[in-house]
Amino acid sequence: MDADAMKARTKRYALQAIRVSQGLPRSREADVIGRQLLRSATSVAANYRAACRARSTTEFVSKLGVVEEEADETLLWIELLTDTGILPEMKGRELAKEGEEILRIVVASIKTA
């Protein structure tokens, strides 16, 4: 997958997370976890774009490390939302599947670089 395709994919992932958070019920728990989900999922896309602008391999790997951390954190928020029943399991599963795929691609890219 080339950089432009991955930029588009991480952006779609962020948009999916935004839509999921918009559909969360209004409760203290959903608001707190939903905000965290939004922050980390959008950070995946933003930091991947930053990695593509890296000036060196070291900087590229470092920025991809941030993407890896944010992608993994996003998976935690999805798990918490589904495990508490705030988010229907089917919606959570779809978002988590894409997050896991993005995480695998990023980890492979770090190892290759």
C-alpha atoms as a PDB file:
ATOM      1  CA  MET A   1       0.000   0.000   0.000  1.00  0.00           C
ATOM      2  CA  ASP A   2       1.484   3.334  -1.005  1.00  0.00           C
ATOM      3  CA  ALA A   3       1.568   6.427   1.203  1.00  0.00           C
ATOM      4  CA  ASP A   4      -1.379   8.148  -0.489  1.00  0.00           C
ATOM      5  CA  ALA A   5      -3.586   5.083  -0.115  1.00  0.00           C
ATOM      6  CA  MET A   6      -2.614   4.779   3.553  1.00  0.00           C
ATOM      7  CA  LYS A   7      -3.320   8.491   4.117  1.00  0.00           C
ATOM      8  CA  ALA A   8      -6.786   7.972   2.666  1.00  0.00           C
ATOM      9  CA  ARG A   9      -7.321   4.840   4.737  1.00  0.00           C
ATOM     10  CA  THR A  10      -6.331   6.476   8.019  1.00  0.00           C
ATOM     11  CA  LYS A  11      -8.551   9.450   7.194  1.00  0.00           C
ATOM     12  CA  ARG A  12     -11.502   7.104   6.525  1.00  0.00           C
ATOM     13  CA  TYR A  13     -10.763   5.431   9.866  1.00  0.00           C
ATOM     14  CA  ALA A  14     -10.864   8.794  11.635  1.00  0.00           C
ATOM     15  CA  LEU A  15     -14.172   9.585   9.919  1.00  0.00           C
ATOM     16  CA  GLN A  16     -15.575   6.208  11.008  1.00  0.00           C
ATOM     17  CA  ALA A  17     -14.598   6.984  14.592  1.00  0.00           C
ATOM     18  CA  ILE A  18     -16.213  10.415  14.348  1.00  0.00           C
ATOM     19  CA  ARG A  19     -19.461   8.846  13.123  1.00  0.00           C
ATOM     20  CA  VAL A  20     -19.367   6.229  15.881  1.00  0.00           C
ATOM     21  CA  SER A  21     -18.831   8.887  18.522  1.00  0.00           C
ATOM     22  CA  GLN A  22     -21.701  10.959  17.129  1.00  0.00           C
ATOM     23  CA  GLY A  23     -23.984   7.959  17.649  1.00  0.00           C
ATOM     24  CA  LEU A  24     -22.998   7.313  21.256  1.00  0.00           C
ATOM     25  CA  PRO A  25     -25.648   7.825  23.920  1.00  0.00           C
ATOM     26  CA  ARG A  26     -25.422  10.943  26.048  1.00  0.00           C
ATOM     27  CA  SER A  27     -23.941   9.831  29.349  1.00  0.00           C
ATOM     28  CA  ARG A  28     -20.885  10.789  31.334  1.00  0.00           C
ATOM     29  CA  GLU A  29     -19.109   7.544  30.493  1.00  0.00           C
ATOM     30  CA  ALA A  30     -19.883   7.715  26.784  1.00  0.00           C
ATOM     31  CA  ASP A  31     -18.776  11.344  26.617  1.00  0.00           C
ATOM     32  CA  VAL A  32     -15.445  10.694  28.327  1.00  0.00           C
ATOM     33  CA  ILE A  33     -14.563   7.540  26.388  1.00  0.00           C
ATOM     34  CA  GLY A  34     -15.992   8.965  23.162  1.00  0.00           C
ATOM     35  CA  ARG A  35     -13.697  11.994  23.452  1.00  0.00           C
ATOM     36  CA  GLN A  36     -10.718   9.724  23.982  1.00  0.00           C
ATOM     37  CA  LEU A  37     -11.742   7.639  20.968  1.00  0.00           C
ATOM     38  CA  LEU A  38     -12.012  10.775  18.836  1.00  0.00           C
ATOM     39  CA  ARG A  39      -8.656  12.075  19.985  1.00  0.00           C
ATOM     40  CA  SER A  40      -6.721   8.876  19.369  1.00  0.00           C
ATOM     41  CA  ALA A  41      -8.403   7.850  16.093  1.00  0.00           C
ATOM     42  CA  THR A  42      -7.957  11.274  14.522  1.00  0.00           C
ATOM     43  CA  SER A  43      -4.390  11.290  15.792  1.00  0.00           C
ATOM     44  CA  VAL A  44      -3.717   8.115  13.802  1.00  0.00           C
ATOM     45  CA  ALA A  45      -4.537   9.965  10.586  1.00  0.00           C
ATOM     46  CA  ALA A  46      -2.767  13.192  11.542  1.00  0.00           C
ATOM     47  CA  ASN A  47       0.419  11.490  12.665  1.00  0.00           C
ATOM     48  CA  TYR A  48       0.542   9.219   9.622  1.00  0.00           C
ATOM     49  CA  ARG A  49       0.435  12.348   7.441  1.00  0.00           C
ATOM     50  CA  ALA A  50       3.245  13.808   9.550  1.00  0.00           C
ATOM     51  CA  ALA A  51       5.275  10.615   9.094  1.00  0.00           C
ATOM     52  CA  CYS A  52       4.950  10.986   5.338  1.00  0.00           C
ATOM     53  CA  ARG A  53       6.628  14.398   5.663  1.00  0.00           C
ATOM     54  CA  ALA A  54       9.545  13.059   7.714  1.00  0.00           C
ATOM     55  CA  ARG A  55      12.968  14.380   6.760  1.00  0.00           C
ATOM     56  CA  SER A  56      14.843  11.220   7.670  1.00  0.00           C
ATOM     57  CA  THR A  57      14.301   7.525   8.246  1.00  0.00           C
ATOM     58  CA  THR A  58      14.780   8.069  11.974  1.00  0.00           C
ATOM     59  CA  GLU A  59      12.080  10.749  12.036  1.00  0.00           C
ATOM     60  CA  PHE A  60       9.799   8.560   9.903  1.00  0.00           C
ATOM     61  CA  VAL A  61      10.149   5.605  12.283  1.00  0.00           C
ATOM     62  CA  SER A  62       9.614   7.866  15.285  1.00  0.00           C
ATOM     63  CA  LYS A  63       6.408   9.331  13.872  1.00  0.00           C
ATOM     64  CA  LEU A  64       5.163   5.880  12.879  1.00  0.00           C
ATOM     65  CA  GLY A  65       5.783   4.852  16.492  1.00  0.00           C
ATOM     66  CA  VAL A  66       3.313   7.543  17.550  1.00  0.00           C
ATOM     67  CA  VAL A  67       0.817   6.211  14.986  1.00  0.00           C
ATOM     68  CA  GLU A  68       1.280   2.722  16.438  1.00  0.00           C
ATOM     69  CA  GLU A  69       0.633   3.966  19.981  1.00  0.00           C
ATOM     70  CA  GLU A  70      -2.456   5.949  18.983  1.00  0.00           C
ATOM     71  CA  ALA A  71      -3.869   3.061  16.940  1.00  0.00           C
ATOM     72  CA  ASP A  72      -3.418   0.694  19.875  1.00  0.00           C
ATOM     73  CA  GLU A  73      -4.974   3.227  22.255  1.00  0.00           C
ATOM     74  CA  THR A  74      -7.949   3.584  19.907  1.00  0.00           C
ATOM     75  CA  LEU A  75      -8.487  -0.160  20.115  1.00  0.00           C
ATOM     76  CA  LEU A  76      -8.618   0.114  23.918  1.00  0.00           C
ATOM     77  CA  TRP A  77     -11.366   2.772  23.765  1.00  0.00           C
ATOM     78  CA  ILE A  78     -13.347   0.641  21.326  1.00  0.00           C
ATOM     79  CA  GLU A  79     -13.009  -2.351  23.659  1.00  0.00           C
ATOM     80  CA  LEU A  80     -14.168  -0.302  26.635  1.00  0.00           C
ATOM     81  CA  LEU A  81     -17.149   1.064  24.724  1.00  0.00           C
ATOM     82  CA  THR A  82     -18.239  -2.398  23.593  1.00  0.00           C
ATOM     83  CA  ASP A  83     -17.431  -4.208  26.852  1.00  0.00           C
ATOM     84  CA  THR A  84     -19.579  -1.736  28.796  1.00  0.00           C
ATOM     85  CA  GLY A  85     -22.405  -2.005  26.284  1.00  0.00           C
ATOM     86  CA  ILE A  86     -22.217   1.681  25.387  1.00  0.00           C
ATOM     87  CA  LEU A  87     -21.402   0.780  21.787  1.00  0.00           C
ATOM     88  CA  PRO A  88     -23.184  -2.103  20.046  1.00  0.00           C
ATOM     89  CA  GLU A  89     -20.768  -4.969  19.497  1.00  0.00           C
ATOM     90  CA  MET A  90     -21.289  -5.001  15.719  1.00  0.00           C
ATOM     91  CA  LYS A  91     -20.262  -1.349  15.319  1.00  0.00           C
ATOM     92  CA  GLY A  92     -17.321  -1.832  17.638  1.00  0.00           C
ATOM     93  CA  ARG A  93     -16.198  -4.931  15.788  1.00  0.00           C
ATOM     94  CA  GLU A  94     -16.146  -3.095  12.435  1.00  0.00           C
ATOM     95  CA  LEU A  95     -14.117  -0.203  13.796  1.00  0.00           C
ATOM     96  CA  ALA A  96     -11.767  -2.506  15.688  1.00  0.00           C
ATOM     97  CA  LYS A  97     -11.147  -4.667  12.619  1.00  0.00           C
ATOM     98  CA  GLU A  98     -10.015  -1.669  10.596  1.00  0.00           C
ATOM     99  CA  GLY A  99      -7.925  -0.402  13.510  1.00  0.00           C
ATOM    100  CA  GLU A 100      -6.183  -3.754  13.860  1.00  0.00           C
ATOM    101  CA  GLU A 101      -5.407  -3.828  10.128  1.00  0.00           C
ATOM    102  CA  ILE A 102      -3.982  -0.308  10.228  1.00  0.00           C
ATOM    103  CA  LEU A 103      -1.931  -1.239  13.298  1.00  0.00           C
ATOM    104  CA  ARG A 104      -0.489  -4.312  11.516  1.00  0.00           C
ATOM    105  CA  ILE A 105       0.450  -2.228   8.468  1.00  0.00           C
ATOM    106  CA  VAL A 106       2.139   0.404  10.625  1.00  0.00           C
ATOM    107  CA  VAL A 107       4.094  -2.171  12.635  1.00  0.00           C
ATOM    108  CA  ALA A 108       5.245  -3.850   9.414  1.00  0.00           C
ATOM    109  CA  SER A 109       6.307  -0.468   8.033  1.00  0.00           C
ATOM    110  CA  ILE A 110       8.331   0.264  11.169  1.00  0.00           C
ATOM    111  CA  LYS A 111      10.088  -3.093  10.878  1.00  0.00           C
ATOM    112  CA  THR A 112      10.791  -2.544   7.177  1.00  0.00           C
ATOM    113  CA  ALA A 113      12.129   0.985   7.660  1.00  0.00           C
END
